[in-house]
């Protein structure tokens, strides 16, 4: 009886696979969609000439957390169209103004936290990213996402979710510096 169930399942799988168009199979092998993010990517926003509070926060975190590989912040800058979420600060200053990725936008809009193991990319096993919604000093979620990429090693014994708690600690620690979303754009010395 058990053997016939396995044979039936194998037959159903074979029929289903044969019926899938080649394009669907190729699409399943593609990487997770990500926004273009290179120094030469066209910008949809220009940062002000002054250093913004968001960038100062990123710089401080990078300087004080050697376990962090990179940080970016994503938001909808004032005056931009409703779908123009943008990298407003980060450890790649030349990429400020680039369009945010779909995952960054989901976090900013819905306030969800995501863990990205980078599976299917060259960074798999080298880094793990935590995408977190930013909170203000009152503990309210803002429509801003912060991506913290932690160094990872295939031999560390850590799994992707091991980076969630440190990401949350960092996010919660900076909340006291952020009275509002608008404050992220304010000039700092």
C-alpha atoms as a PDB file:
ATOM      1  CA  UNK A   1       0.000   0.000   0.000  1.00  0.00           C
ATOM      2  CA  UNK A   2       2.748   2.468   0.978  1.00  0.00           C
ATOM      3  CA  UNK A   3       4.702   1.734  -2.199  1.00  0.00           C
ATOM      4  CA  UNK A   4       1.684   2.485  -4.384  1.00  0.00           C
ATOM      5  CA  UNK A   5       1.182   5.841  -2.607  1.00  0.00           C
ATOM      6  CA  UNK A   6       4.805   6.791  -3.324  1.00  0.00           C
ATOM      7  CA  UNK A   7       4.452   5.676  -6.947  1.00  0.00           C
ATOM      8  CA  UNK A   8       1.277   7.744  -7.312  1.00  0.00           C
ATOM      9  CA  UNK A   9       2.981  10.788  -5.822  1.00  0.00           C
ATOM     10  CA  UNK A  10       6.017  10.363  -8.075  1.00  0.00           C
ATOM     11  CA  UNK A  11       3.751   9.980 -11.127  1.00  0.00           C
ATOM     12  CA  UNK A  12       1.782  13.133 -10.184  1.00  0.00           C
ATOM     13  CA  UNK A  13       5.036  15.055  -9.725  1.00  0.00           C
ATOM     14  CA  UNK A  14       6.340  13.902 -13.088  1.00  0.00           C
ATOM     15  CA  UNK A  15       3.095  14.892 -14.843  1.00  0.00           C
ATOM     16  CA  UNK A  16       3.034  18.307 -13.110  1.00  0.00           C
ATOM     17  CA  UNK A  17       6.688  19.002 -13.948  1.00  0.00           C
ATOM     18  CA  UNK A  18       6.184  18.024 -17.575  1.00  0.00           C
ATOM     19  CA  UNK A  19       3.199  20.361 -17.819  1.00  0.00           C
ATOM     20  CA  UNK A  20       5.120  23.396 -16.516  1.00  0.00           C
ATOM     21  CA  UNK A  21       6.309  25.717 -19.253  1.00  0.00           C
ATOM     22  CA  UNK A  22      10.058  26.191 -19.510  1.00  0.00           C
ATOM     23  CA  UNK A  23       9.681  29.876 -18.589  1.00  0.00           C
ATOM     24  CA  UNK A  24       8.074  28.971 -15.252  1.00  0.00           C
ATOM     25  CA  UNK A  25      10.892  26.578 -14.431  1.00  0.00           C
ATOM     26  CA  UNK A  26      13.515  29.188 -15.378  1.00  0.00           C
ATOM     27  CA  UNK A  27      11.746  31.808 -13.283  1.00  0.00           C
ATOM     28  CA  UNK A  28      11.769  29.517 -10.242  1.00  0.00           C
ATOM     29  CA  UNK A  29      15.561  29.351 -10.483  1.00  0.00           C
ATOM     30  CA  UNK A  30      15.981  33.154 -10.665  1.00  0.00           C
ATOM     31  CA  UNK A  31      17.199  35.166  -7.711  1.00  0.00           C
ATOM     32  CA  UNK A  32      14.850  37.082  -5.455  1.00  0.00           C
ATOM     33  CA  UNK A  33      14.012  40.385  -7.206  1.00  0.00           C
ATOM     34  CA  UNK A  34      16.197  43.182  -5.916  1.00  0.00           C
ATOM     35  CA  UNK A  35      16.453  46.826  -6.887  1.00  0.00           C
ATOM     36  CA  UNK A  36      19.511  47.807  -8.846  1.00  0.00           C
ATOM     37  CA  UNK A  37      22.106  49.083  -6.408  1.00  0.00           C
ATOM     38  CA  UNK A  38      25.336  50.249  -7.912  1.00  0.00           C
ATOM     39  CA  UNK A  39      27.120  53.591  -7.775  1.00  0.00           C
ATOM     40  CA  UNK A  40      25.976  54.279 -11.358  1.00  0.00           C
ATOM     41  CA  UNK A  41      22.303  53.375 -10.855  1.00  0.00           C
ATOM     42  CA  UNK A  42      20.061  56.314 -11.838  1.00  0.00           C
ATOM     43  CA  UNK A  43      18.824  58.249  -8.799  1.00  0.00           C
ATOM     44  CA  UNK A  44      15.197  59.046  -8.035  1.00  0.00           C
ATOM     45  CA  UNK A  45      16.116  61.527  -5.268  1.00  0.00           C
ATOM     46  CA  UNK A  46      19.048  63.699  -4.311  1.00  0.00           C
ATOM     47  CA  UNK A  47      20.053  64.029  -0.676  1.00  0.00           C
ATOM     48  CA  UNK A  48      20.404  67.563   0.675  1.00  0.00           C
ATOM     49  CA  UNK A  49      23.887  69.081   0.723  1.00  0.00           C
ATOM     50  CA  UNK A  50      24.031  68.854   4.534  1.00  0.00           C
ATOM     51  CA  UNK A  51      24.684  65.656   6.444  1.00  0.00           C
ATOM     52  CA  UNK A  52      21.327  64.288   7.606  1.00  0.00           C
ATOM     53  CA  UNK A  53      20.591  62.740  10.990  1.00  0.00           C
ATOM     54  CA  UNK A  54      19.830  59.406   9.253  1.00  0.00           C
ATOM     55  CA  UNK A  55      23.368  59.329   7.830  1.00  0.00           C
ATOM     56  CA  UNK A  56      24.881  60.292  11.197  1.00  0.00           C
ATOM     57  CA  UNK A  57      23.046  57.368  12.826  1.00  0.00           C
ATOM     58  CA  UNK A  58      24.330  54.963  10.159  1.00  0.00           C
ATOM     59  CA  UNK A  59      27.905  56.276  10.495  1.00  0.00           C
ATOM     60  CA  UNK A  60      27.822  55.864  14.290  1.00  0.00           C
ATOM     61  CA  UNK A  61      26.469  52.309  14.066  1.00  0.00           C
ATOM     62  CA  UNK A  62      29.082  51.262  11.498  1.00  0.00           C
ATOM     63  CA  UNK A  63      31.863  52.770  13.657  1.00  0.00           C
ATOM     64  CA  UNK A  64      30.729  51.049  16.851  1.00  0.00           C
ATOM     65  CA  UNK A  65      29.594  47.628  15.577  1.00  0.00           C
ATOM     66  CA  UNK A  66      32.370  45.626  13.863  1.00  0.00           C
ATOM     67  CA  UNK A  67      29.924  42.739  13.341  1.00  0.00           C
ATOM     68  CA  UNK A  68      27.980  44.894  10.872  1.00  0.00           C
ATOM     69  CA  UNK A  69      28.978  44.774   7.215  1.00  0.00           C
ATOM     70  CA  UNK A  70      26.633  47.519   5.996  1.00  0.00           C
ATOM     71  CA  UNK A  71      23.515  49.510   6.884  1.00  0.00           C
ATOM     72  CA  UNK A  72      20.994  51.303   4.707  1.00  0.00           C
ATOM     73  CA  UNK A  73      17.835  53.284   5.475  1.00  0.00           C
ATOM     74  CA  UNK A  74      14.892  53.434   3.080  1.00  0.00           C
ATOM     75  CA  UNK A  75      11.970  55.864   3.100  1.00  0.00           C
ATOM     76  CA  UNK A  76       9.707  57.980   0.939  1.00  0.00           C
ATOM     77  CA  UNK A  77      11.362  61.421   0.879  1.00  0.00           C
ATOM     78  CA  UNK A  78       9.041  64.421   1.077  1.00  0.00           C
ATOM     79  CA  UNK A  79       7.732  65.475  -2.321  1.00  0.00           C
ATOM     80  CA  UNK A  80       8.420  62.122  -3.981  1.00  0.00           C
ATOM     81  CA  UNK A  81       5.680  60.063  -5.683  1.00  0.00           C
ATOM     82  CA  UNK A  82       3.969  57.474  -3.447  1.00  0.00           C
ATOM     83  CA  UNK A  83       5.915  54.607  -5.017  1.00  0.00           C
ATOM     84  CA  UNK A  84       9.369  56.254  -4.949  1.00  0.00           C
ATOM     85  CA  UNK A  85      10.854  54.602  -1.854  1.00  0.00           C
ATOM     86  CA  UNK A  86      14.508  55.473  -1.792  1.00  0.00           C
ATOM     87  CA  UNK A  87      17.731  54.747   0.040  1.00  0.00           C
ATOM     88  CA  UNK A  88      18.080  57.909   2.149  1.00  0.00           C
ATOM     89  CA  UNK A  89      21.205  56.953   4.128  1.00  0.00           C
ATOM     90  CA  UNK A  90      23.723  54.173   4.262  1.00  0.00           C
ATOM     91  CA  UNK A  91      27.234  52.860   4.383  1.00  0.00           C
ATOM     92  CA  UNK A  92      27.324  53.243   0.582  1.00  0.00           C
ATOM     93  CA  UNK A  93      26.879  57.050   0.291  1.00  0.00           C
ATOM     94  CA  UNK A  94      27.211  56.911  -3.511  1.00  0.00           C
ATOM     95  CA  UNK A  95      24.053  54.773  -3.597  1.00  0.00           C
ATOM     96  CA  UNK A  96      21.889  57.285  -1.730  1.00  0.00           C
ATOM     97  CA  UNK A  97      18.921  58.115  -3.905  1.00  0.00           C
ATOM     98  CA  UNK A  98      18.700  54.635  -5.436  1.00  0.00           C
ATOM     99  CA  UNK A  99      15.290  52.982  -5.601  1.00  0.00           C
ATOM    100  CA  UNK A 100      14.579  50.693  -2.636  1.00  0.00           C
ATOM    101  CA  UNK A 101      14.119  46.958  -3.197  1.00  0.00           C
ATOM    102  CA  UNK A 102      10.670  45.344  -2.909  1.00  0.00           C
ATOM    103  CA  UNK A 103      11.583  43.851   0.486  1.00  0.00           C
ATOM    104  CA  UNK A 104      12.679  47.225   1.859  1.00  0.00           C
ATOM    105  CA  UNK A 105       9.405  48.778   0.688  1.00  0.00           C
ATOM    106  CA  UNK A 106       7.290  46.039   2.317  1.00  0.00           C
ATOM    107  CA  UNK A 107       9.036  46.665   5.646  1.00  0.00           C
ATOM    108  CA  UNK A 108       8.620  50.442   5.382  1.00  0.00           C
ATOM    109  CA  UNK A 109       4.940  50.216   4.423  1.00  0.00           C
ATOM    110  CA  UNK A 110       3.789  47.343   6.624  1.00  0.00           C
ATOM    111  CA  UNK A 111       6.187  47.441   9.574  1.00  0.00           C
ATOM    112  CA  UNK A 112       7.305  43.824   9.192  1.00  0.00           C
ATOM    113  CA  UNK A 113      10.761  42.553  10.097  1.00  0.00           C
ATOM    114  CA  UNK A 114      12.478  40.260   7.611  1.00  0.00           C
ATOM    115  CA  UNK A 115      15.505  37.991   7.732  1.00  0.00           C
ATOM    116  CA  UNK A 116      17.384  37.589   4.453  1.00  0.00           C
ATOM    117  CA  UNK A 117      19.922  34.774   4.363  1.00  0.00           C
ATOM    118  CA  UNK A 118      20.939  35.856   0.840  1.00  0.00           C
ATOM    119  CA  UNK A 119      20.147  32.364  -0.425  1.00  0.00           C
ATOM    120  CA  UNK A 120      20.597  32.194  -4.186  1.00  0.00           C
ATOM    121  CA  UNK A 121      23.115  35.047  -4.269  1.00  0.00           C
ATOM    122  CA  UNK A 122      26.918  35.172  -4.145  1.00  0.00           C
ATOM    123  CA  UNK A 123      26.584  36.574  -0.591  1.00  0.00           C
ATOM    124  CA  UNK A 124      24.985  33.394   0.782  1.00  0.00           C
ATOM    125  CA  UNK A 125      27.030  32.209   3.775  1.00  0.00           C
ATOM    126  CA  UNK A 126      28.908  35.534   3.899  1.00  0.00           C
ATOM    127  CA  UNK A 127      26.250  37.847   5.282  1.00  0.00           C
ATOM    128  CA  UNK A 128      22.736  37.877   6.695  1.00  0.00           C
ATOM    129  CA  UNK A 129      20.534  40.951   6.405  1.00  0.00           C
ATOM    130  CA  UNK A 130      17.817  41.952   8.830  1.00  0.00           C
ATOM    131  CA  UNK A 131      15.248  44.392   7.420  1.00  0.00           C
ATOM    132  CA  UNK A 132      13.550  46.263  10.259  1.00  0.00           C
ATOM    133  CA  UNK A 133      10.983  49.032  10.517  1.00  0.00           C
ATOM    134  CA  UNK A 134      12.380  52.054  12.360  1.00  0.00           C
ATOM    135  CA  UNK A 135      10.677  53.241  15.549  1.00  0.00           C
ATOM    136  CA  UNK A 136      10.547  56.779  16.867  1.00  0.00           C
ATOM    137  CA  UNK A 137      11.352  57.819  20.438  1.00  0.00           C
ATOM    138  CA  UNK A 138       7.716  57.190  21.453  1.00  0.00           C
ATOM    139  CA  UNK A 139       7.958  53.590  20.207  1.00  0.00           C
ATOM    140  CA  UNK A 140       5.781  54.176  17.140  1.00  0.00           C
ATOM    141  CA  UNK A 141       6.711  52.496  13.867  1.00  0.00           C
ATOM    142  CA  UNK A 142       7.719  54.909  11.129  1.00  0.00           C
ATOM    143  CA  UNK A 143       7.385  54.198   7.381  1.00  0.00           C
ATOM    144  CA  UNK A 144      11.151  53.750   7.224  1.00  0.00           C
ATOM    145  CA  UNK A 145      13.124  50.526   6.793  1.00  0.00           C
ATOM    146  CA  UNK A 146      16.643  49.872   8.036  1.00  0.00           C
ATOM    147  CA  UNK A 147      18.675  47.049   6.521  1.00  0.00           C
ATOM    148  CA  UNK A 148      21.474  45.756   8.717  1.00  0.00           C
ATOM    149  CA  UNK A 149      23.840  43.311   7.014  1.00  0.00           C
ATOM    150  CA  UNK A 150      25.805  41.246   9.517  1.00  0.00           C
ATOM    151  CA  UNK A 151      29.040  39.425   8.717  1.00  0.00           C
ATOM    152  CA  UNK A 152      28.414  35.674   8.530  1.00  0.00           C
ATOM    153  CA  UNK A 153      30.739  32.740   8.113  1.00  0.00           C
ATOM    154  CA  UNK A 154      29.757  29.290   6.878  1.00  0.00           C
ATOM    155  CA  UNK A 155      31.744  27.849   9.796  1.00  0.00           C
ATOM    156  CA  UNK A 156      30.225  30.060  12.533  1.00  0.00           C
ATOM    157  CA  UNK A 157      27.454  27.614  13.377  1.00  0.00           C
ATOM    158  CA  UNK A 158      24.955  30.482  13.240  1.00  0.00           C
ATOM    159  CA  UNK A 159      21.789  30.419  11.194  1.00  0.00           C
ATOM    160  CA  UNK A 160      19.990  33.394   9.690  1.00  0.00           C
ATOM    161  CA  UNK A 161      17.548  33.852  12.572  1.00  0.00           C
ATOM    162  CA  UNK A 162      20.449  34.168  15.054  1.00  0.00           C
ATOM    163  CA  UNK A 163      20.891  37.699  13.710  1.00  0.00           C
ATOM    164  CA  UNK A 164      17.329  38.811  14.485  1.00  0.00           C
ATOM    165  CA  UNK A 165      17.865  39.653  18.178  1.00  0.00           C
ATOM    166  CA  UNK A 166      21.024  41.755  17.614  1.00  0.00           C
ATOM    167  CA  UNK A 167      19.215  43.625  14.824  1.00  0.00           C
ATOM    168  CA  UNK A 168      16.278  44.396  17.103  1.00  0.00           C
ATOM    169  CA  UNK A 169      18.594  45.604  19.876  1.00  0.00           C
ATOM    170  CA  UNK A 170      20.298  48.015  17.479  1.00  0.00           C
ATOM    171  CA  UNK A 171      16.973  49.251  16.070  1.00  0.00           C
ATOM    172  CA  UNK A 172      15.518  49.813  19.547  1.00  0.00           C
ATOM    173  CA  UNK A 173      18.657  51.590  20.752  1.00  0.00           C
ATOM    174  CA  UNK A 174      18.544  54.244  18.019  1.00  0.00           C
ATOM    175  CA  UNK A 175      14.824  54.986  18.554  1.00  0.00           C
ATOM    176  CA  UNK A 176      15.642  57.481  21.307  1.00  0.00           C
ATOM    177  CA  UNK A 177      17.478  59.601  18.694  1.00  0.00           C
ATOM    178  CA  UNK A 178      14.473  59.767  16.347  1.00  0.00           C
ATOM    179  CA  UNK A 179      11.572  61.945  17.545  1.00  0.00           C
ATOM    180  CA  UNK A 180       9.895  61.784  14.104  1.00  0.00           C
ATOM    181  CA  UNK A 181      10.372  60.662  10.527  1.00  0.00           C
ATOM    182  CA  UNK A 182      11.103  64.275   9.531  1.00  0.00           C
ATOM    183  CA  UNK A 183      13.988  64.383  12.028  1.00  0.00           C
ATOM    184  CA  UNK A 184      15.910  61.844   9.900  1.00  0.00           C
ATOM    185  CA  UNK A 185      16.364  64.548   7.246  1.00  0.00           C
ATOM    186  CA  UNK A 186      17.498  67.280   9.665  1.00  0.00           C
ATOM    187  CA  UNK A 187      21.053  68.598   9.427  1.00  0.00           C
ATOM    188  CA  UNK A 188      23.666  67.503  11.943  1.00  0.00           C
ATOM    189  CA  UNK A 189      27.076  68.947  12.693  1.00  0.00           C
END
